[in-house]
């Protein structure tokens, strides 16, 4: 699943050992690494795709055959 309609912020950190850590600001669970900055970004895209696909599948499971109410709430 490619997410062409969404923009995500990649936070990339170079470690002391020379590897790169990449995390998505909007999806903190999307956290990965690579030997190069490019590899870390590719891995991050894969992680984002997997997270969004899993969320979509879970949402479909919940809604399939069940009646549910969706409301926005404010946390103070």
N, C-alpha and C. Protein backbone atom coordinates (compact mmCIF):
# COMPACT_ATOMS: atom_id res chain seq x y z
N UNK A 1 0.85 -1.18 0.00
CA UNK A 1 0.00 0.00 0.00
C UNK A 1 0.89 1.23 0.00
N UNK A 2 0.76 2.05 -0.99
CA UNK A 2 1.54 3.29 -1.06
C UNK A 2 0.66 4.44 -0.62
N UNK A 3 1.21 5.32 0.19
CA UNK A 3 0.46 6.44 0.77
C UNK A 3 0.89 7.73 0.09
N UNK A 4 0.50 7.89 -1.16
CA UNK A 4 0.92 9.03 -1.95
C UNK A 4 0.21 10.31 -1.55
N UNK A 5 -0.93 10.22 -0.90
CA UNK A 5 -1.72 11.40 -0.56
C UNK A 5 -1.39 11.96 0.81
N UNK A 6 -0.46 11.37 1.49
CA UNK A 6 -0.13 11.82 2.85
C UNK A 6 1.34 12.22 2.91
N UNK A 7 1.61 13.25 3.68
CA UNK A 7 2.98 13.64 3.94
C UNK A 7 3.32 13.27 5.38
N UNK A 8 4.49 12.71 5.56
CA UNK A 8 4.95 12.33 6.89
C UNK A 8 6.31 12.96 7.14
N UNK A 9 6.61 13.22 8.39
CA UNK A 9 7.88 13.82 8.77
C UNK A 9 8.82 12.72 9.27
N UNK A 10 9.96 12.60 8.61
CA UNK A 10 10.97 11.63 9.02
C UNK A 10 11.99 12.34 9.90
N UNK A 11 12.26 11.77 11.05
CA UNK A 11 13.30 12.27 11.94
C UNK A 11 14.45 11.27 11.85
N UNK A 12 15.59 11.74 11.37
CA UNK A 12 16.73 10.85 11.13
C UNK A 12 17.88 11.27 12.03
N UNK A 13 18.44 10.27 12.69
CA UNK A 13 19.57 10.50 13.58
C UNK A 13 20.71 9.58 13.17
N UNK A 14 21.89 10.14 13.06
CA UNK A 14 23.07 9.31 12.79
C UNK A 14 23.68 8.92 14.13
N UNK A 15 23.89 7.63 14.31
CA UNK A 15 24.44 7.13 15.57
C UNK A 15 25.96 7.25 15.58
N UNK A 16 26.55 7.07 16.72
CA UNK A 16 28.02 7.12 16.85
C UNK A 16 28.68 6.03 16.01
N UNK A 17 27.96 4.92 15.82
CA UNK A 17 28.52 3.82 15.03
C UNK A 17 28.35 4.03 13.52
N UNK A 18 27.69 5.14 13.14
CA UNK A 18 27.55 5.45 11.72
C UNK A 18 26.26 4.97 11.08
N UNK A 19 25.41 4.29 11.84
CA UNK A 19 24.12 3.84 11.31
C UNK A 19 23.12 4.98 11.44
N UNK A 20 22.00 4.83 10.76
CA UNK A 20 20.97 5.86 10.78
C UNK A 20 19.69 5.30 11.39
N UNK A 21 19.10 6.05 12.29
CA UNK A 21 17.82 5.71 12.91
C UNK A 21 16.79 6.64 12.30
N UNK A 22 15.66 6.10 11.86
CA UNK A 22 14.59 6.92 11.28
C UNK A 22 13.29 6.62 12.00
N UNK A 23 12.57 7.69 12.34
CA UNK A 23 11.27 7.57 13.00
C UNK A 23 10.32 8.56 12.36
N UNK A 24 9.05 8.17 12.29
CA UNK A 24 8.02 9.04 11.74
C UNK A 24 7.41 9.85 12.88
N UNK A 25 7.42 11.17 12.73
CA UNK A 25 6.88 12.05 13.77
C UNK A 25 5.39 11.78 14.01
N UNK A 26 4.63 11.56 12.94
CA UNK A 26 3.19 11.36 13.04
C UNK A 26 2.81 9.94 13.47
N UNK A 27 3.69 8.98 13.26
CA UNK A 27 3.45 7.59 13.65
C UNK A 27 4.67 7.09 14.43
N UNK A 28 4.76 7.41 15.72
CA UNK A 28 5.95 7.05 16.50
C UNK A 28 6.31 5.56 16.49
N UNK A 29 5.34 4.70 16.23
CA UNK A 29 5.64 3.27 16.16
C UNK A 29 6.45 2.92 14.93
N UNK A 30 6.48 3.82 13.95
CA UNK A 30 7.29 3.61 12.74
C UNK A 30 8.71 4.05 13.06
N UNK A 31 9.51 3.10 13.48
CA UNK A 31 10.88 3.34 13.91
C UNK A 31 11.75 2.26 13.29
N UNK A 32 12.80 2.67 12.60
CA UNK A 32 13.63 1.70 11.91
C UNK A 32 15.06 2.22 11.81
N UNK A 33 15.90 1.48 11.11
CA UNK A 33 17.30 1.86 10.97
C UNK A 33 17.84 1.43 9.61
N UNK A 34 19.02 1.89 9.29
CA UNK A 34 19.68 1.50 8.06
C UNK A 34 21.15 1.84 8.09
N UNK A 35 21.90 1.26 7.18
CA UNK A 35 23.32 1.54 7.08
C UNK A 35 23.58 2.91 6.45
N UNK A 36 22.63 3.38 5.65
CA UNK A 36 22.72 4.70 5.03
C UNK A 36 21.44 5.47 5.32
N UNK A 37 21.47 6.77 5.09
CA UNK A 37 20.26 7.57 5.27
C UNK A 37 19.16 7.11 4.31
N UNK A 38 19.55 6.80 3.08
CA UNK A 38 18.58 6.33 2.09
C UNK A 38 17.93 5.02 2.50
N UNK A 39 18.74 4.10 3.01
CA UNK A 39 18.21 2.81 3.45
C UNK A 39 17.25 2.99 4.63
N UNK A 40 17.62 3.87 5.55
CA UNK A 40 16.74 4.14 6.70
C UNK A 40 15.42 4.72 6.23
N UNK A 41 15.45 5.62 5.25
CA UNK A 41 14.21 6.21 4.73
C UNK A 41 13.36 5.17 4.00
N UNK A 42 13.99 4.30 3.23
CA UNK A 42 13.24 3.22 2.57
C UNK A 42 12.59 2.30 3.60
N UNK A 43 13.34 1.95 4.62
CA UNK A 43 12.79 1.10 5.69
C UNK A 43 11.66 1.80 6.42
N UNK A 44 11.79 3.12 6.60
CA UNK A 44 10.74 3.88 7.26
C UNK A 44 9.46 3.88 6.42
N UNK A 45 9.60 4.04 5.12
CA UNK A 45 8.42 4.00 4.24
C UNK A 45 7.73 2.65 4.36
N UNK A 46 8.51 1.57 4.37
CA UNK A 46 7.94 0.23 4.54
C UNK A 46 7.21 0.12 5.88
N UNK A 47 7.82 0.65 6.95
CA UNK A 47 7.19 0.59 8.27
C UNK A 47 5.89 1.37 8.30
N UNK A 48 5.87 2.55 7.69
CA UNK A 48 4.65 3.36 7.63
C UNK A 48 3.57 2.61 6.87
N UNK A 49 3.93 2.05 5.71
CA UNK A 49 2.96 1.30 4.91
C UNK A 49 2.36 0.14 5.71
N UNK A 50 3.21 -0.60 6.43
CA UNK A 50 2.73 -1.74 7.21
C UNK A 50 1.80 -1.30 8.34
N UNK A 51 2.16 -0.24 9.02
CA UNK A 51 1.33 0.26 10.12
C UNK A 51 -0.03 0.69 9.60
N UNK A 52 -0.04 1.46 8.51
CA UNK A 52 -1.32 1.94 7.97
C UNK A 52 -2.18 0.81 7.42
N UNK A 53 -1.56 -0.17 6.80
CA UNK A 53 -2.30 -1.32 6.29
C UNK A 53 -2.90 -2.12 7.44
N UNK A 54 -2.13 -2.31 8.50
CA UNK A 54 -2.62 -3.04 9.68
C UNK A 54 -3.77 -2.29 10.34
N UNK A 55 -3.63 -0.96 10.47
CA UNK A 55 -4.72 -0.17 11.04
C UNK A 55 -5.98 -0.28 10.20
N UNK A 56 -5.83 -0.26 8.89
CA UNK A 56 -6.99 -0.39 8.00
C UNK A 56 -7.66 -1.75 8.17
N UNK A 57 -6.86 -2.81 8.24
CA UNK A 57 -7.40 -4.16 8.42
C UNK A 57 -8.11 -4.29 9.77
N UNK A 58 -7.53 -3.73 10.81
CA UNK A 58 -8.15 -3.80 12.14
C UNK A 58 -9.47 -3.03 12.16
N UNK A 59 -9.49 -1.88 11.52
CA UNK A 59 -10.71 -1.09 11.46
C UNK A 59 -11.81 -1.86 10.72
N UNK A 60 -11.43 -2.54 9.63
CA UNK A 60 -12.40 -3.34 8.88
C UNK A 60 -12.92 -4.50 9.71
N UNK A 61 -12.06 -5.13 10.51
CA UNK A 61 -12.49 -6.23 11.37
C UNK A 61 -13.52 -5.75 12.38
N UNK A 62 -13.27 -4.62 12.98
CA UNK A 62 -14.17 -4.08 13.99
C UNK A 62 -15.51 -3.72 13.38
N UNK A 63 -15.48 -3.12 12.20
CA UNK A 63 -16.73 -2.64 11.60
C UNK A 63 -17.50 -3.73 10.87
N UNK A 64 -16.86 -4.80 10.49
CA UNK A 64 -17.53 -5.86 9.72
C UNK A 64 -18.57 -6.56 10.58
N UNK A 65 -19.81 -6.39 10.19
CA UNK A 65 -20.90 -7.07 10.87
C UNK A 65 -21.30 -6.47 12.20
N UNK A 66 -20.66 -5.43 12.62
CA UNK A 66 -20.98 -4.80 13.89
C UNK A 66 -21.47 -3.38 13.67
N UNK A 67 -22.41 -2.99 14.50
CA UNK A 67 -22.86 -1.60 14.47
C UNK A 67 -22.02 -0.86 15.51
N UNK A 68 -21.46 0.26 15.12
CA UNK A 68 -20.68 1.01 16.06
C UNK A 68 -20.91 2.50 15.87
N UNK A 69 -20.59 3.24 16.88
CA UNK A 69 -20.75 4.69 16.87
C UNK A 69 -19.36 5.31 16.91
N UNK A 70 -19.16 6.27 16.06
CA UNK A 70 -17.88 6.97 16.03
C UNK A 70 -18.12 8.43 16.38
N UNK A 71 -17.38 8.91 17.38
CA UNK A 71 -17.52 10.30 17.81
C UNK A 71 -16.14 10.87 18.11
N UNK A 72 -16.00 12.16 17.87
CA UNK A 72 -14.78 12.84 18.25
C UNK A 72 -14.92 13.29 19.70
N UNK A 73 -13.83 13.18 20.45
CA UNK A 73 -13.83 13.63 21.84
C UNK A 73 -12.65 14.56 22.07
N UNK A 74 -12.78 15.40 23.05
CA UNK A 74 -11.69 16.30 23.43
C UNK A 74 -11.14 15.85 24.77
N UNK A 75 -9.83 15.78 24.86
CA UNK A 75 -9.17 15.43 26.10
C UNK A 75 -8.63 16.74 26.70
N UNK A 76 -9.06 17.04 27.89
CA UNK A 76 -8.65 18.28 28.55
C UNK A 76 -7.57 18.04 29.56
